[in-house]
Amino acid sequence: MARWEHYEAGALVRVEEDLDFDGGADKWETREAGRVATVAFDENGDGRPERRLVYDAGVLVVSQMSRACIGIGWTLLDSRQDHAR
């Protein structure tokens, strides 16, 4: 696995990973206030994310799957409206 970390003002804000060793990123992570904010995955090797997880204060609140095969945005798979912080 290869990992690229991006920093702003000394803080880690973005991470890209090559999980399948093809030389390109297939996992993207953003961070806010030291916590994971989003994670996206390229699951079919086209260089674009098909799955995205969204976090609030470190808690998973939304899981989305792209409808890439028909070219229509994102569909909500799961969401917790009320969660402990």
PDB file of N, CA and C in Angstrom:
ATOM      1  N   MET A   1       0.840  -1.171   0.000  1.00  0.00           N
ATOM      2  CA  MET A   1       0.000   0.000   0.000  1.00  0.00           C
ATOM      3  C   MET A   1       0.888   1.238   0.000  1.00  0.00           C
ATOM      4  N   ALA A   2       0.524   2.199  -0.813  1.00  0.00           N
ATOM      5  CA  ALA A   2       1.186   3.506  -0.796  1.00  0.00           C
ATOM      6  C   ALA A   2       0.238   4.502  -0.149  1.00  0.00           C
ATOM      7  N   ARG A   3       0.810   5.485   0.530  1.00  0.00           N
ATOM      8  CA  ARG A   3       0.006   6.471   1.259  1.00  0.00           C
ATOM      9  C   ARG A   3       0.626   7.847   1.054  1.00  0.00           C
ATOM     10  N   TRP A   4      -0.225   8.806   0.681  1.00  0.00           N
ATOM     11  CA  TRP A   4       0.202  10.189   0.528  1.00  0.00           C
ATOM     12  C   TRP A   4      -0.557  11.043   1.522  1.00  0.00           C
ATOM     13  N   GLU A   5       0.162  11.776   2.349  1.00  0.00           N
ATOM     14  CA  GLU A   5      -0.453  12.639   3.367  1.00  0.00           C
ATOM     15  C   GLU A   5      -0.263  14.098   2.980  1.00  0.00           C
ATOM     16  N   HIS A   6      -1.309  14.892   3.162  1.00  0.00           N
ATOM     17  CA  HIS A   6      -1.290  16.312   2.821  1.00  0.00           C
ATOM     18  C   HIS A   6      -1.566  17.117   4.093  1.00  0.00           C
ATOM     19  N   TYR A   7      -0.702  18.083   4.349  1.00  0.00           N
ATOM     20  CA  TYR A   7      -0.781  18.886   5.575  1.00  0.00           C
ATOM     21  C   TYR A   7      -1.015  20.354   5.239  1.00  0.00           C
ATOM     22  N   GLU A   8      -1.725  21.036   6.116  1.00  0.00           N
ATOM     23  CA  GLU A   8      -1.894  22.484   6.064  1.00  0.00           C
ATOM     24  C   GLU A   8      -1.625  23.018   7.459  1.00  0.00           C
ATOM     25  N   ALA A   9      -0.712  23.969   7.547  1.00  0.00           N
ATOM     26  CA  ALA A   9      -0.335  24.556   8.835  1.00  0.00           C
ATOM     27  C   ALA A   9       0.024  23.471   9.856  1.00  0.00           C
ATOM     28  N   GLY A  10       0.683  22.414   9.385  1.00  0.00           N
ATOM     29  CA  GLY A  10       1.136  21.348  10.274  1.00  0.00           C
ATOM     30  C   GLY A  10       0.091  20.319  10.634  1.00  0.00           C
ATOM     31  N   ALA A  11      -1.143  20.494  10.157  1.00  0.00           N
ATOM     32  CA  ALA A  11      -2.214  19.551  10.481  1.00  0.00           C
ATOM     33  C   ALA A  11      -2.514  18.658   9.277  1.00  0.00           C
ATOM     34  N   LEU A  12      -2.706  17.374   9.524  1.00  0.00           N
ATOM     35  CA  LEU A  12      -3.079  16.432   8.478  1.00  0.00           C
ATOM     36  C   LEU A  12      -4.511  16.737   8.041  1.00  0.00           C
ATOM     37  N   VAL A  13      -4.714  17.051   6.758  1.00  0.00           N
ATOM     38  CA  VAL A  13      -6.044  17.417   6.265  1.00  0.00           C
ATOM     39  C   VAL A  13      -6.577  16.454   5.207  1.00  0.00           C
ATOM     40  N   ARG A  14      -5.669  15.703   4.554  1.00  0.00           N
ATOM     41  CA  ARG A  14      -6.103  14.810   3.488  1.00  0.00           C
ATOM     42  C   ARG A  14      -5.122  13.667   3.353  1.00  0.00           C
ATOM     43  N   VAL A  15      -5.655  12.481   3.107  1.00  0.00           N
ATOM     44  CA  VAL A  15      -4.835  11.287   2.890  1.00  0.00           C
ATOM     45  C   VAL A  15      -5.349  10.583   1.647  1.00  0.00           C
ATOM     46  N   GLU A  16      -4.434  10.135   0.802  1.00  0.00           N
ATOM     47  CA  GLU A  16      -4.770   9.305  -0.353  1.00  0.00           C
ATOM     48  C   GLU A  16      -3.995   8.006  -0.224  1.00  0.00           C
ATOM     49  N   GLU A  17      -4.647   6.894  -0.577  1.00  0.00           N
ATOM     50  CA  GLU A  17      -3.987   5.598  -0.484  1.00  0.00           C
ATOM     51  C   GLU A  17      -4.202   4.795  -1.757  1.00  0.00           C
ATOM     52  N   ASP A  18      -3.189   4.034  -2.133  1.00  0.00           N
ATOM     53  CA  ASP A  18      -3.255   3.096  -3.245  1.00  0.00           C
ATOM     54  C   ASP A  18      -3.335   1.711  -2.634  1.00  0.00           C
ATOM     55  N   LEU A  19      -4.540   1.184  -2.525  1.00  0.00           N
ATOM     56  CA  LEU A  19      -4.749  -0.097  -1.853  1.00  0.00           C
ATOM     57  C   LEU A  19      -4.506  -1.295  -2.763  1.00  0.00           C
ATOM     58  N   ASP A  20      -4.590  -1.096  -4.085  1.00  0.00           N
ATOM     59  CA  ASP A  20      -4.434  -2.225  -4.996  1.00  0.00           C
ATOM     60  C   ASP A  20      -3.109  -2.203  -5.768  1.00  0.00           C
ATOM     61  N   PHE A  21      -2.203  -1.319  -5.359  1.00  0.00           N
ATOM     62  CA  PHE A  21      -0.842  -1.264  -5.904  1.00  0.00           C
ATOM     63  C   PHE A  21      -0.783  -1.002  -7.416  1.00  0.00           C
ATOM     64  N   ASP A  22      -1.738  -0.198  -7.934  1.00  0.00           N
ATOM     65  CA  ASP A  22      -1.709   0.110  -9.364  1.00  0.00           C
ATOM     66  C   ASP A  22      -1.087   1.482  -9.650  1.00  0.00           C
ATOM     67  N   GLY A  23      -0.619   2.157  -8.613  1.00  0.00           N
ATOM     68  CA  GLY A  23       0.039   3.447  -8.784  1.00  0.00           C
ATOM     69  C   GLY A  23      -0.855   4.653  -8.626  1.00  0.00           C
ATOM     70  N   GLY A  24      -2.156   4.454  -8.506  1.00  0.00           N
ATOM     71  CA  GLY A  24      -3.093   5.568  -8.342  1.00  0.00           C
ATOM     72  C   GLY A  24      -3.899   5.426  -7.068  1.00  0.00           C
ATOM     73  N   ALA A  25      -4.385   6.531  -6.562  1.00  0.00           N
ATOM     74  CA  ALA A  25      -5.188   6.511  -5.337  1.00  0.00           C
ATOM     75  C   ALA A  25      -6.529   5.836  -5.588  1.00  0.00           C
ATOM     76  N   ASP A  26      -6.968   5.036  -4.628  1.00  0.00           N
ATOM     77  CA  ASP A  26      -8.302   4.451  -4.678  1.00  0.00           C
ATOM     78  C   ASP A  26      -9.010   4.550  -3.330  1.00  0.00           C
ATOM     79  N   LYS A  27      -8.407   5.304  -2.419  1.00  0.00           N
ATOM     80  CA  LYS A  27      -9.053   5.645  -1.156  1.00  0.00           C
ATOM     81  C   LYS A  27      -8.655   7.084  -0.836  1.00  0.00           C
ATOM     82  N   TRP A  28      -9.651   7.911  -0.533  1.00  0.00           N
ATOM     83  CA  TRP A  28      -9.420   9.316  -0.211  1.00  0.00           C
ATOM     84  C   TRP A  28     -10.065   9.616   1.127  1.00  0.00           C
ATOM     85  N   GLU A  29      -9.316  10.288   1.975  1.00  0.00           N
ATOM     86  CA  GLU A  29      -9.799  10.619   3.317  1.00  0.00           C
ATOM     87  C   GLU A  29      -9.578  12.102   3.551  1.00  0.00           C
ATOM     88  N   THR A  30     -10.597  12.781   4.084  1.00  0.00           N
ATOM     89  CA  THR A  30     -10.422  14.167   4.511  1.00  0.00           C
ATOM     90  C   THR A  30     -10.562  14.221   6.023  1.00  0.00           C
ATOM     91  N   ARG A  31      -9.883  15.190   6.615  1.00  0.00           N
ATOM     92  CA  ARG A  31      -9.892  15.337   8.064  1.00  0.00           C
ATOM     93  C   ARG A  31     -10.208  16.775   8.438  1.00  0.00           C
ATOM     94  N   GLU A  32     -10.940  16.934   9.521  1.00  0.00           N
ATOM     95  CA  GLU A  32     -11.258  18.245  10.070  1.00  0.00           C
ATOM     96  C   GLU A  32     -11.066  18.182  11.581  1.00  0.00           C
ATOM     97  N   ALA A  33     -10.362  19.149  12.115  1.00  0.00           N
ATOM     98  CA  ALA A  33     -10.111  19.222  13.561  1.00  0.00           C
ATOM     99  C   ALA A  33      -9.500  17.924  14.085  1.00  0.00           C
ATOM    100  N   GLY A  34      -8.633  17.304  13.285  1.00  0.00           N
ATOM    101  CA  GLY A  34      -7.945  16.103  13.721  1.00  0.00           C
ATOM    102  C   GLY A  34      -8.742  14.816  13.613  1.00  0.00           C
ATOM    103  N   ARG A  35      -9.965  14.898  13.106  1.00  0.00           N
ATOM    104  CA  ARG A  35     -10.815  13.707  12.971  1.00  0.00           C
ATOM    105  C   ARG A  35     -11.150  13.446  11.514  1.00  0.00           C
ATOM    106  N   VAL A  36     -11.441  12.201  11.203  1.00  0.00           N
ATOM    107  CA  VAL A  36     -11.866  11.849   9.857  1.00  0.00           C
ATOM    108  C   VAL A  36     -13.217  12.515   9.585  1.00  0.00           C
ATOM    109  N   ALA A  37     -13.322  13.202   8.436  1.00  0.00           N
ATOM    110  CA  ALA A  37     -14.576  13.842   8.029  1.00  0.00           C
ATOM    111  C   ALA A  37     -15.263  13.033   6.925  1.00  0.00           C
ATOM    112  N   THR A  38     -14.479  12.566   5.932  1.00  0.00           N
ATOM    113  CA  THR A  38     -15.025  11.731   4.861  1.00  0.00           C
ATOM    114  C   THR A  38     -13.994  10.698   4.443  1.00  0.00           C
ATOM    115  N   VAL A  39     -14.481   9.583   3.938  1.00  0.00           N
ATOM    116  CA  VAL A  39     -13.639   8.570   3.328  1.00  0.00           C
ATOM    117  C   VAL A  39     -14.368   8.116   2.066  1.00  0.00           C
ATOM    118  N   ALA A  40     -13.639   8.075   0.938  1.00  0.00           N
ATOM    119  CA  ALA A  40     -14.232   7.640  -0.325  1.00  0.00           C
ATOM    120  C   ALA A  40     -13.373   6.533  -0.917  1.00  0.00           C
ATOM    121  N   PHE A  41     -14.028   5.617  -1.628  1.00  0.00           N
ATOM    122  CA  PHE A  41     -13.349   4.441  -2.175  1.00  0.00           C
ATOM    123  C   PHE A  41     -13.664   4.267  -3.659  1.00  0.00           C
ATOM    124  N   ASP A  42     -12.633   4.009  -4.459  1.00  0.00           N
ATOM    125  CA  ASP A  42     -12.794   3.596  -5.856  1.00  0.00           C
ATOM    126  C   ASP A  42     -12.808   2.080  -5.837  1.00  0.00           C
ATOM    127  N   GLU A  43     -13.955   1.497  -6.104  1.00  0.00           N
ATOM    128  CA  GLU A  43     -14.081   0.046  -6.001  1.00  0.00           C
ATOM    129  C   GLU A  43     -14.054  -0.672  -7.342  1.00  0.00           C
ATOM    130  N   ASN A  44     -14.032   0.085  -8.448  1.00  0.00           N
ATOM    131  CA  ASN A  44     -14.013  -0.584  -9.746  1.00  0.00           C
ATOM    132  C   ASN A  44     -12.814  -0.192 -10.603  1.00  0.00           C
ATOM    133  N   GLY A  45     -11.866   0.570 -10.024  1.00  0.00           N
ATOM    134  CA  GLY A  45     -10.628   0.881 -10.717  1.00  0.00           C
ATOM    135  C   GLY A  45     -10.698   1.986 -11.754  1.00  0.00           C
ATOM    136  N   ASP A  46     -11.775   2.780 -11.749  1.00  0.00           N
ATOM    137  CA  ASP A  46     -11.892   3.842 -12.750  1.00  0.00           C
ATOM    138  C   ASP A  46     -11.320   5.187 -12.290  1.00  0.00           C
ATOM    139  N   GLY A  47     -10.762   5.230 -11.070  1.00  0.00           N
ATOM    140  CA  GLY A  47     -10.157   6.456 -10.564  1.00  0.00           C
ATOM    141  C   GLY A  47     -11.128   7.419  -9.913  1.00  0.00           C
ATOM    142  N   ARG A  48     -12.399   7.033  -9.817  1.00  0.00           N
ATOM    143  CA  ARG A  48     -13.424   7.863  -9.176  1.00  0.00           C
ATOM    144  C   ARG A  48     -14.090   7.074  -8.051  1.00  0.00           C
ATOM    145  N   PRO A  49     -14.498   7.756  -6.986  1.00  0.00           N
ATOM    146  CA  PRO A  49     -15.104   7.026  -5.866  1.00  0.00           C
ATOM    147  C   PRO A  49     -16.510   6.522  -6.171  1.00  0.00           C
ATOM    148  N   GLU A  50     -16.772   5.289  -5.767  1.00  0.00           N
ATOM    149  CA  GLU A  50     -18.116   4.712  -5.864  1.00  0.00           C
ATOM    150  C   GLU A  50     -18.808   4.659  -4.508  1.00  0.00           C
ATOM    151  N   ARG A  51     -18.032   4.725  -3.446  1.00  0.00           N
ATOM    152  CA  ARG A  51     -18.596   4.649  -2.093  1.00  0.00           C
ATOM    153  C   ARG A  51     -18.003   5.771  -1.263  1.00  0.00           C
ATOM    154  N   ARG A  52     -18.854   6.410  -0.451  1.00  0.00           N
ATOM    155  CA  ARG A  52     -18.394   7.522   0.384  1.00  0.00           C
ATOM    156  C   ARG A  52     -19.021   7.418   1.766  1.00  0.00           C
ATOM    157  N   LEU A  53     -18.185   7.599   2.784  1.00  0.00           N
ATOM    158  CA  LEU A  53     -18.619   7.614   4.175  1.00  0.00           C
ATOM    159  C   LEU A  53     -18.422   9.029   4.700  1.00  0.00           C
ATOM    160  N   VAL A  54     -19.409   9.522   5.439  1.00  0.00           N
ATOM    161  CA  VAL A  54     -19.346  10.870   5.995  1.00  0.00           C
ATOM    162  C   VAL A  54     -19.458  10.766   7.512  1.00  0.00           C
ATOM    163  N   TYR A  55     -18.566  11.464   8.190  1.00  0.00           N
ATOM    164  CA  TYR A  55     -18.500  11.426   9.652  1.00  0.00           C
ATOM    165  C   TYR A  55     -18.818  12.792  10.240  1.00  0.00           C
ATOM    166  N   ASP A  56     -19.387  12.791  11.436  1.00  0.00           N
ATOM    167  CA  ASP A  56     -19.620  14.009  12.207  1.00  0.00           C
ATOM    168  C   ASP A  56     -19.010  13.786  13.581  1.00  0.00           C
ATOM    169  N   ALA A  57     -18.011  14.583  13.915  1.00  0.00           N
ATOM    170  CA  ALA A  57     -17.308  14.448  15.196  1.00  0.00           C
ATOM    171  C   ALA A  57     -16.785  13.026  15.400  1.00  0.00           C
ATOM    172  N   GLY A  58     -16.316  12.414  14.307  1.00  0.00           N
ATOM    173  CA  GLY A  58     -15.733  11.081  14.388  1.00  0.00           C
ATOM    174  C   GLY A  58     -16.728   9.935  14.353  1.00  0.00           C
ATOM    175  N   VAL A  59     -18.028  10.250  14.226  1.00  0.00           N
ATOM    176  CA  VAL A  59     -19.069   9.223  14.204  1.00  0.00           C
ATOM    177  C   VAL A  59     -19.620   9.110  12.779  1.00  0.00           C
ATOM    178  N   LEU A  60     -19.686   7.890  12.251  1.00  0.00           N
ATOM    179  CA  LEU A  60     -20.246   7.671  10.924  1.00  0.00           C
ATOM    180  C   LEU A  60     -21.719   8.050  10.920  1.00  0.00           C
ATOM    181  N   VAL A  61     -22.091   8.988  10.034  1.00  0.00           N
ATOM    182  CA  VAL A  61     -23.484   9.433   9.974  1.00  0.00           C
ATOM    183  C   VAL A  61     -24.133   9.166   8.623  1.00  0.00           C
ATOM    184  N   VAL A  62     -23.341   9.039   7.570  1.00  0.00           N
ATOM    185  CA  VAL A  62     -23.904   8.809   6.244  1.00  0.00           C
ATOM    186  C   VAL A  62     -23.004   7.847   5.473  1.00  0.00           C
ATOM    187  N   SER A  63     -23.636   6.907   4.801  1.00  0.00           N
ATOM    188  CA  SER A  63     -22.937   6.018   3.884  1.00  0.00           C
ATOM    189  C   SER A  63     -23.628   6.155   2.537  1.00  0.00           C
ATOM    190  N   GLN A  64     -22.848   6.466   1.501  1.00  0.00           N
ATOM    191  CA  GLN A  64     -23.434   6.685   0.184  1.00  0.00           C
ATOM    192  C   GLN A  64     -22.769   5.782  -0.837  1.00  0.00           C
ATOM    193  N   MET A  65     -23.542   5.390  -1.847  1.00  0.00           N
ATOM    194  CA  MET A  65     -23.028   4.601  -2.950  1.00  0.00           C
ATOM    195  C   MET A  65     -23.381   5.319  -4.239  1.00  0.00           C
ATOM    196  N   SER A  66     -22.394   5.460  -5.108  1.00  0.00           N
ATOM    197  CA  SER A  66     -22.595   6.096  -6.399  1.00  0.00           C
ATOM    198  C   SER A  66     -23.401   5.190  -7.309  1.00  0.00           C
ATOM    199  N   ARG A  67     -24.218   5.790  -8.127  1.00  0.00           N
ATOM    200  CA  ARG A  67     -24.897   5.028  -9.168  1.00  0.00           C
ATOM    201  C   ARG A  67     -24.116   5.222 -10.471  1.00  0.00           C
ATOM    202  N   ALA A  68     -22.799   5.022 -10.374  1.00  0.00           N
ATOM    203  CA  ALA A  68     -21.877   5.293 -11.478  1.00  0.00           C
ATOM    204  C   ALA A  68     -22.245   4.542 -12.755  1.00  0.00           C
ATOM    205  N   CYS A  69     -22.789   3.366 -12.606  1.00  0.00           N
ATOM    206  CA  CYS A  69     -23.086   2.569 -13.800  1.00  0.00           C
ATOM    207  C   CYS A  69     -24.151   3.213 -14.679  1.00  0.00           C
ATOM    208  N   ILE A  70     -25.004   4.088 -14.097  1.00  0.00           N
ATOM    209  CA  ILE A  70     -26.008   4.776 -14.911  1.00  0.00           C
ATOM    210  C   ILE A  70     -25.799   6.286 -14.906  1.00  0.00           C
ATOM    211  N   GLY A  71     -24.733   6.744 -14.236  1.00  0.00           N
ATOM    212  CA  GLY A  71     -24.358   8.148 -14.293  1.00  0.00           C
ATOM    213  C   GLY A  71     -25.234   9.106 -13.518  1.00  0.00           C
ATOM    214  N   ILE A  72     -25.881   8.633 -12.483  1.00  0.00           N
ATOM    215  CA  ILE A  72     -26.748   9.520 -11.699  1.00  0.00           C
ATOM    216  C   ILE A  72     -26.227   9.632 -10.279  1.00  0.00           C
ATOM    217  N   GLY A  73     -25.661  10.760  -9.920  1.00  0.00           N
ATOM    218  CA  GLY A  73     -25.273  11.149  -8.573  1.00  0.00           C
ATOM    219  C   GLY A  73     -25.010  10.078  -7.545  1.00  0.00           C
ATOM    220  N   TRP A  74     -25.429  10.359  -6.336  1.00  0.00           N
ATOM    221  CA  TRP A  74     -25.208   9.480  -5.190  1.00  0.00           C
ATOM    222  C   TRP A  74     -26.545   9.108  -4.588  1.00  0.00           C
ATOM    223  N   THR A  75     -26.637   7.896  -4.083  1.00  0.00           N
ATOM    224  CA  THR A  75     -27.839   7.477  -3.379  1.00  0.00           C
ATOM    225  C   THR A  75     -27.490   7.216  -1.917  1.00  0.00           C
ATOM    226  N   LEU A  76     -28.345   7.657  -1.035  1.00  0.00           N
ATOM    227  CA  LEU A  76     -28.138   7.502   0.394  1.00  0.00           C
ATOM    228  C   LEU A  76     -28.447   6.076   0.797  1.00  0.00           C
ATOM    229  N   LEU A  77     -27.470   5.417   1.424  1.00  0.00           N
ATOM    230  CA  LEU A  77     -27.671   4.047   1.872  1.00  0.00           C
ATOM    231  C   LEU A  77     -28.074   3.975   3.327  1.00  0.00           C
ATOM    232  N   ASP A  78     -27.543   4.884   4.136  1.00  0.00           N
ATOM    233  CA  ASP A  78     -27.777   4.786   5.573  1.00  0.00           C
ATOM    234  C   ASP A  78     -27.479   6.135   6.205  1.00  0.00           C
ATOM    235  N   SER A  79     -28.268   6.542   7.164  1.00  0.00           N
ATOM    236  CA  SER A  79     -28.010   7.790   7.853  1.00  0.00           C
ATOM    237  C   SER A  79     -28.558   7.715   9.261  1.00  0.00           C
ATOM    238  N   ARG A  80     -27.763   8.192  10.204  1.00  0.00           N
ATOM    239  CA  ARG A  80     -28.245   8.319  11.574  1.00  0.00           C
ATOM    240  C   ARG A  80     -28.423   9.796  11.846  1.00  0.00           C
ATOM    241  N   GLN A  81     -29.635  10.241  12.048  1.00  0.00           N
ATOM    242  CA  GLN A  81     -29.921  11.653  12.272  1.00  0.00           C
ATOM    243  C   GLN A  81     -29.484  12.113  13.656  1.00  0.00           C
ATOM    244  N   ASP A  82     -29.740  11.302  14.660  1.00  0.00           N
ATOM    245  CA  ASP A  82     -29.441  11.680  16.032  1.00  0.00           C
ATOM    246  C   ASP A  82     -28.345  10.743  16.552  1.00  0.00           C
ATOM    247  N   HIS A  83     -27.195  11.292  16.872  1.00  0.00           N
ATOM    248  CA  HIS A  83     -26.109  10.465  17.359  1.00  0.00           C
ATOM    249  C   HIS A  83     -25.359  11.185  18.475  1.00  0.00           C
ATOM    250  N   ALA A  84     -24.710  10.410  19.292  1.00  0.00           N
ATOM    251  CA  ALA A  84     -23.937  10.983  20.405  1.00  0.00           C
ATOM    252  C   ALA A  84     -22.697  11.661  19.852  1.00  0.00           C
ATOM    253  N   ARG A  85     -22.318  12.767  20.420  1.00  0.00           N
ATOM    254  CA  ARG A  85     -21.128  13.481  19.990  1.00  0.00           C
ATOM    255  C   ARG A  85     -20.007  13.246  20.968  1.00  0.00           C
TER     256      ARG A  85
END
